[in-house]
Amino acid sequence: MLLGGLAALATPFARAQGSADTPVRLVVPFTPGTGIDLIARQIAPALSERLKRPFFVENRPGASGNIGTQEVVRATPDGSTLLVSVNTLVMNMALYPRLGFNPVSDLAPVSQTSWGQLLLVANPGTKIDSLQGLIARAKAKPGALNYGSPGAGTPHHLAMELLKNRAAVSLTHISYRGTAPAVTDLLGGQIDVMFLPIHVALQHVKAGKLTALAISSDKPSPLLPEVPPLSILKLGNMNVDMWYGVLAPAGTPRPYIERLNKELREILAQPAIAKAFETQGMTPAHSTPEAFQQMLAADAKRWADLIKAQGITAE
């Protein structure tokens, strides 16, 4: 009986471990070529080698990441389906109240993989050359300045809404279908300011086509050490860096999650991974499942409070 009981306890882990020919899907809920997609395609071969089973990337874009996420939430928690996502995951909870699932409770965090910085930039034609100058202009002429985003509810959008909320200023939001058209209009002067991933903005800042006003992190970036963090405004927690990570369906056996976490810690420490992530403006970052869970819950509340306060909708 004792042996039978031990065997029963071991069964979920054995199922999750899978056989050498059982593939594991890394679901990316966005299109190929994004930073999230790059993360998945960098860690998949390394996980395959270390766990001796195939890992492959499957892009399931749509509805701001909700389609692919829902697929993982509903997947059998046997270790054969994982999610690679970004902080949009928890922002969507408040943006889509009829989502049908709760990413904080319906997913099991495995590990964070990286941080991605956002750079607040302005068109030089605005004559705004500092964060304080932006705030002063916005206070003097409420709503006169336009800011762009690649869509309502994106990290770029909510970062600016957080700044507006904390600084008590008004800027008019112009929503685009993606980053590229927004950048085109920002360079052309049709919009005034915008938060952009640092790797997207850097070339234009270096060329003098955009003016860097602030960085989303708590500290300046080595890429632009002269650009101050948003925290210089002393308006509370203004860190709006994007986090990325790996999650599994809730109920996935804990030993399997711990094994994945251990392997990811070693994979993310490799110099080649750091170099690949750098092309997308990301810095590798590992966390325990517990720390990742705490960050998910705290971030979900933070953005839900902001979305409610600012009256933001996904439309």
Protein backbone atom coordinates (compact mmCIF):
# COMPACT_ATOMS: atom_id res chain seq x y z
CA MET A 1 0.00 0.00 0.00
CA LEU A 2 2.85 2.36 0.87
CA LEU A 3 4.54 1.69 -2.46
CA GLY A 4 1.24 2.19 -4.24
CA GLY A 5 0.70 5.52 -2.50
CA LEU A 6 4.17 6.74 -3.43
CA ALA A 7 3.58 5.73 -7.02
CA ALA A 8 0.33 7.69 -7.09
CA LEU A 9 2.09 10.77 -5.77
CA ALA A 10 4.81 10.47 -8.38
CA THR A 11 2.41 10.07 -11.30
CA PRO A 12 1.63 13.80 -11.90
CA PHE A 13 5.36 14.63 -11.98
CA ALA A 14 6.07 11.72 -14.28
CA ARG A 15 3.29 12.88 -16.61
CA ALA A 16 4.63 16.42 -16.55
CA GLN A 17 8.17 15.25 -17.22
CA GLY A 18 6.87 13.45 -20.30
CA SER A 19 8.82 11.10 -22.52
CA ALA A 20 11.69 12.18 -24.72
CA ASP A 21 9.42 12.46 -27.74
CA THR A 22 6.60 14.40 -26.03
CA PRO A 23 6.76 17.98 -27.39
CA VAL A 24 6.21 21.11 -25.30
CA ARG A 25 4.46 24.13 -26.80
CA LEU A 26 5.76 27.56 -25.89
CA VAL A 27 2.71 29.66 -26.73
CA VAL A 28 3.49 33.26 -27.69
CA PRO A 29 0.22 35.27 -27.72
CA PHE A 30 1.64 37.82 -30.17
CA THR A 31 2.99 37.84 -33.71
CA PRO A 32 6.42 36.54 -34.77
CA GLY A 33 9.25 39.05 -34.54
CA THR A 34 8.19 40.65 -31.26
CA GLY A 35 10.40 40.72 -28.15
CA ILE A 36 8.26 37.99 -26.59
CA ASP A 37 8.71 35.83 -29.67
CA LEU A 38 12.48 36.32 -29.52
CA ILE A 39 12.53 35.19 -25.87
CA ALA A 40 10.63 32.01 -26.71
CA ARG A 41 12.86 31.20 -29.68
CA GLN A 42 16.00 31.73 -27.60
CA ILE A 43 14.99 29.53 -24.66
CA ALA A 44 13.25 26.75 -26.63
CA PRO A 45 16.42 25.07 -28.03
CA ALA A 46 18.18 25.33 -24.67
CA LEU A 47 15.23 23.78 -22.82
CA SER A 48 15.03 21.01 -25.44
CA GLU A 49 18.68 20.17 -24.88
CA ARG A 50 18.49 20.23 -21.11
CA LEU A 51 15.17 18.40 -20.66
CA LYS A 52 15.73 15.96 -23.55
CA ARG A 53 12.36 16.62 -25.17
CA PRO A 54 11.25 18.91 -28.02
CA PHE A 55 10.22 22.48 -27.20
CA PHE A 56 8.68 24.48 -30.03
CA VAL A 57 7.22 27.99 -30.37
CA GLU A 58 3.62 28.50 -31.43
CA ASN A 59 2.36 32.03 -32.13
CA ARG A 60 -1.31 32.53 -31.22
CA PRO A 61 -1.87 36.31 -31.61
CA GLY A 62 -5.10 38.21 -31.23
CA ALA A 63 -7.13 40.34 -28.80
CA SER A 64 -4.06 41.93 -27.15
CA GLY A 65 -2.69 38.53 -26.22
CA ASN A 66 -5.93 37.17 -24.76
CA ILE A 67 -6.48 34.44 -27.37
CA GLY A 68 -3.16 32.70 -26.81
CA THR A 69 -3.33 33.21 -23.05
CA GLN A 70 -6.79 31.66 -22.84
CA GLU A 71 -5.54 28.65 -24.78
CA VAL A 72 -2.83 28.06 -22.17
CA VAL A 73 -5.24 28.62 -19.27
CA ARG A 74 -7.49 25.89 -20.69
CA ALA A 75 -4.67 23.47 -21.53
CA THR A 76 -4.14 20.27 -19.59
CA PRO A 77 -1.66 21.06 -16.78
CA ASP A 78 0.72 18.27 -17.70
CA GLY A 79 3.74 20.37 -18.68
CA SER A 80 3.17 20.14 -22.42
CA THR A 81 1.90 23.74 -22.78
CA LEU A 82 3.61 26.89 -21.50
CA LEU A 83 3.01 30.61 -22.00
CA VAL A 84 5.67 33.22 -22.78
CA SER A 85 4.18 36.65 -22.09
CA VAL A 86 4.65 40.26 -21.03
CA ASN A 87 3.04 42.55 -18.44
CA THR A 88 0.13 43.17 -20.83
CA LEU A 89 -1.05 39.87 -19.32
CA VAL A 90 -2.17 41.53 -16.07
CA MET A 91 -3.12 44.87 -17.62
CA ASN A 92 -5.79 43.04 -19.62
CA MET A 93 -7.56 41.92 -16.43
CA ALA A 94 -8.96 45.42 -15.89
CA LEU A 95 -9.21 46.36 -19.57
CA TYR A 96 -11.37 43.33 -20.40
CA PRO A 97 -13.68 42.77 -17.41
CA ARG A 98 -15.44 39.89 -19.20
CA LEU A 99 -12.17 38.13 -19.97
CA GLY A 100 -13.41 34.77 -18.69
CA PHE A 101 -10.20 33.90 -16.83
CA ASN A 102 -7.88 35.39 -14.22
CA PRO A 103 -4.21 35.26 -15.22
CA VAL A 104 -3.11 35.70 -11.61
CA SER A 105 -4.98 32.63 -10.33
CA ASP A 106 -5.42 30.58 -13.50
CA LEU A 107 -1.73 30.47 -14.42
CA ALA A 108 1.26 29.15 -12.47
CA PRO A 109 4.31 31.43 -12.77
CA VAL A 110 7.52 29.60 -13.68
CA SER A 111 10.07 32.41 -13.91
CA GLN A 112 10.59 35.93 -15.10
CA THR A 113 12.93 36.05 -18.11
CA SER A 114 13.74 39.71 -18.62
CA TRP A 115 13.05 43.42 -18.22
CA GLY A 116 12.40 45.80 -21.10
CA GLN A 117 12.85 49.55 -20.77
CA LEU A 118 10.65 52.28 -22.21
CA LEU A 119 12.01 55.66 -23.23
CA LEU A 120 9.88 58.80 -23.10
CA VAL A 121 10.70 60.80 -26.23
CA ALA A 122 9.52 64.03 -27.88
CA ASN A 123 9.61 65.41 -31.39
CA PRO A 124 12.28 68.16 -31.42
CA GLY A 125 9.78 70.50 -33.03
CA THR A 126 7.94 70.72 -29.70
CA LYS A 127 10.99 72.45 -28.17
CA ILE A 128 10.49 70.21 -25.11
CA ASP A 129 13.92 69.08 -23.93
CA SER A 130 13.28 67.71 -20.44
CA LEU A 131 10.74 65.80 -18.38
CA GLN A 132 10.09 68.89 -16.28
CA GLY A 133 9.55 70.88 -19.49
CA LEU A 134 6.94 68.38 -20.63
CA ILE A 135 5.07 68.60 -17.33
CA ALA A 136 5.20 72.41 -17.39
CA ARG A 137 3.86 72.54 -20.97
CA ALA A 138 1.09 70.08 -20.17
CA LYS A 139 0.05 72.11 -17.12
CA ALA A 140 0.09 75.37 -19.04
CA LYS A 141 -1.94 74.00 -21.97
CA PRO A 142 -4.06 71.04 -20.80
CA GLY A 143 -4.83 68.59 -23.60
CA ALA A 144 -2.89 70.53 -26.24
CA LEU A 145 -0.05 68.01 -26.44
CA ASN A 146 -0.76 64.71 -28.25
CA TYR A 147 0.90 61.43 -27.34
CA GLY A 148 0.82 58.20 -29.31
CA SER A 149 0.69 54.51 -28.46
CA PRO A 150 0.55 51.26 -30.46
CA GLY A 151 -2.94 50.67 -29.08
CA ALA A 152 -5.22 51.24 -26.11
CA GLY A 153 -4.14 49.29 -23.07
CA THR A 154 -0.57 48.68 -24.23
CA PRO A 155 2.32 49.28 -21.80
CA HIS A 156 3.24 52.40 -23.82
CA HIS A 157 -0.30 53.78 -23.31
CA LEU A 158 -0.57 52.95 -19.62
CA ALA A 159 2.92 54.29 -18.87
CA MET A 160 1.82 57.72 -20.11
CA GLU A 161 -1.49 57.48 -18.27
CA LEU A 162 0.41 56.76 -15.06
CA LEU A 163 2.55 59.85 -15.65
CA LYS A 164 -0.57 61.92 -16.35
CA ASN A 165 -2.25 60.61 -13.21
CA ARG A 166 0.69 61.18 -10.88
CA ALA A 167 1.64 64.59 -12.29
CA ALA A 168 -2.01 65.72 -12.60
CA VAL A 169 -1.62 66.81 -16.22
CA SER A 170 -3.65 66.33 -19.41
CA LEU A 171 -2.33 65.04 -22.74
CA THR A 172 -4.48 63.73 -25.60
CA HIS A 173 -4.06 60.07 -26.50
CA ILE A 174 -3.78 59.07 -30.17
CA SER A 175 -4.08 55.29 -30.58
CA TYR A 176 -2.43 53.51 -33.51
CA ARG A 177 -2.49 49.97 -34.87
CA GLY A 178 1.04 49.06 -33.91
CA THR A 179 4.29 50.84 -33.13
CA ALA A 180 5.52 51.56 -36.67
CA PRO A 181 2.77 54.01 -37.75
CA ALA A 182 2.97 55.78 -34.39
CA VAL A 183 6.74 56.25 -34.78
CA THR A 184 6.22 57.56 -38.32
CA ASP A 185 3.82 60.23 -37.07
CA LEU A 186 6.03 61.07 -34.09
CA LEU A 187 9.00 61.65 -36.41
CA GLY A 188 6.78 63.66 -38.72
CA GLY A 189 5.46 65.89 -35.94
CA GLN A 190 1.83 64.73 -36.14
CA ILE A 191 2.11 63.68 -32.49
CA ASP A 192 4.33 65.27 -29.85
CA VAL A 193 5.53 62.65 -27.38
CA MET A 194 5.46 58.91 -26.80
CA PHE A 195 6.86 56.06 -24.72
CA LEU A 196 8.88 53.70 -26.94
CA PRO A 197 10.97 50.58 -26.26
CA ILE A 198 14.51 51.83 -25.90
CA HIS A 199 15.83 49.78 -28.83
CA VAL A 200 13.18 51.35 -31.11
CA ALA A 201 13.85 54.93 -29.97
CA LEU A 202 17.63 54.78 -29.62
CA GLN A 203 18.55 55.14 -33.31
CA HIS A 204 16.29 58.19 -33.68
CA VAL A 205 17.64 59.79 -30.48
CA LYS A 206 21.23 59.27 -31.64
CA ALA A 207 20.33 60.82 -35.02
CA GLY A 208 18.77 63.87 -33.35
CA LYS A 209 15.32 63.05 -34.73
CA LEU A 210 13.83 62.51 -31.27
CA THR A 211 14.61 64.05 -27.87
CA ALA A 212 14.91 61.63 -24.94
CA LEU A 213 13.17 62.98 -21.84
CA ALA A 214 13.17 60.09 -19.34
CA ILE A 215 13.73 56.35 -18.90
CA SER A 216 11.17 53.99 -17.36
CA SER A 217 13.59 52.36 -14.90
CA ASP A 218 14.58 53.50 -11.44
CA LYS A 219 18.10 54.22 -12.71
CA PRO A 220 19.49 55.69 -15.94
CA SER A 221 20.29 53.28 -18.77
CA PRO A 222 23.93 52.62 -19.72
CA LEU A 223 22.83 53.22 -23.33
CA LEU A 224 21.74 56.78 -22.47
CA PRO A 225 23.32 57.59 -19.08
CA GLU A 226 22.45 61.28 -19.33
CA VAL A 227 18.68 60.60 -19.55
CA PRO A 228 17.07 60.67 -16.07
CA PRO A 229 14.53 58.18 -14.70
CA LEU A 230 10.89 59.14 -14.18
CA SER A 231 11.52 58.92 -10.44
CA ILE A 232 13.13 62.39 -10.47
CA LEU A 233 9.59 63.77 -10.30
CA LYS A 234 9.28 62.21 -6.81
CA LEU A 235 5.68 61.12 -7.43
CA GLY A 236 5.90 57.61 -5.96
CA ASN A 237 6.61 54.39 -7.85
CA MET A 238 7.03 55.47 -11.47
CA ASN A 239 8.92 52.42 -12.72
CA VAL A 240 7.09 51.34 -15.89
CA ASP A 241 9.61 48.81 -17.20
CA MET A 242 8.00 45.90 -19.03
CA TRP A 243 8.55 42.43 -17.54
CA TYR A 244 8.55 39.20 -19.52
CA GLY A 245 8.21 35.65 -18.23
CA VAL A 246 7.16 32.02 -18.58
CA LEU A 247 3.96 30.63 -17.06
CA ALA A 248 2.12 27.31 -17.02
CA PRO A 249 -1.54 26.33 -16.58
CA ALA A 250 -2.60 26.32 -12.93
CA GLY A 251 -2.25 22.84 -11.48
CA THR A 252 0.96 21.99 -13.32
CA PRO A 253 2.96 19.77 -10.92
CA ARG A 254 5.23 21.80 -8.68
CA PRO A 255 8.34 19.61 -9.20
CA TYR A 256 8.13 20.24 -12.95
CA ILE A 257 7.81 24.01 -12.45
CA GLU A 258 10.83 23.95 -10.13
CA ARG A 259 12.84 21.98 -12.71
CA LEU A 260 11.94 24.48 -15.44
CA ASN A 261 12.83 27.35 -13.12
CA LYS A 262 16.25 25.86 -12.39
CA GLU A 263 17.00 25.32 -16.07
CA LEU A 264 15.86 28.83 -16.99
CA ARG A 265 18.10 30.34 -14.33
CA GLU A 266 21.12 28.72 -15.98
CA ILE A 267 19.95 29.51 -19.52
CA LEU A 268 19.36 33.19 -18.74
CA ALA A 269 22.87 33.47 -17.28
CA GLN A 270 24.48 32.65 -20.63
CA PRO A 271 26.23 35.61 -22.36
CA ALA A 272 24.74 34.60 -25.73
CA ILE A 273 21.23 35.02 -24.33
CA ALA A 274 22.06 38.47 -22.93
CA LYS A 275 23.43 39.52 -26.31
CA ALA A 276 20.32 38.27 -28.14
CA PHE A 277 17.98 39.98 -25.67
CA GLU A 278 19.92 43.23 -26.03
CA THR A 279 18.81 43.50 -29.68
CA GLN A 280 15.26 43.91 -28.38
CA GLY A 281 16.20 46.28 -25.56
CA MET A 282 15.83 43.60 -22.89
CA THR A 283 17.96 42.55 -19.94
CA PRO A 284 17.80 38.92 -18.70
CA ALA A 285 16.22 38.53 -15.26
CA HIS A 286 15.41 35.35 -13.35
CA SER A 287 13.04 34.98 -10.41
CA THR A 288 11.60 32.25 -8.23
CA PRO A 289 8.01 31.18 -8.96
CA GLU A 290 6.97 32.78 -5.67
CA ALA A 291 8.59 36.13 -6.46
CA PHE A 292 7.06 36.11 -9.94
CA GLN A 293 3.62 35.37 -8.45
CA GLN A 294 3.94 38.29 -6.03
CA MET A 295 4.95 40.61 -8.86
CA LEU A 296 1.98 39.48 -10.97
CA ALA A 297 -0.48 40.17 -8.16
CA ALA A 298 1.03 43.56 -7.26
CA ASP A 299 1.21 44.65 -10.90
CA ALA A 300 -2.38 43.57 -11.57
CA LYS A 301 -3.62 45.76 -8.70
CA ARG A 302 -1.40 48.69 -9.68
CA TRP A 303 -2.68 48.82 -13.25
CA ALA A 304 -6.28 48.06 -12.31
CA ASP A 305 -6.26 51.05 -9.94
CA LEU A 306 -4.83 53.28 -12.68
CA ILE A 307 -7.25 52.03 -15.35
CA LYS A 308 -10.18 52.75 -13.04
CA ALA A 309 -8.85 56.18 -12.02
CA GLN A 310 -8.20 57.25 -15.61
CA GLY A 311 -11.38 55.72 -17.05
CA ILE A 312 -9.40 53.72 -19.62
CA THR A 313 -11.12 51.18 -21.88
CA ALA A 314 -9.71 48.70 -24.39
CA GLU A 315 -11.71 50.25 -27.24
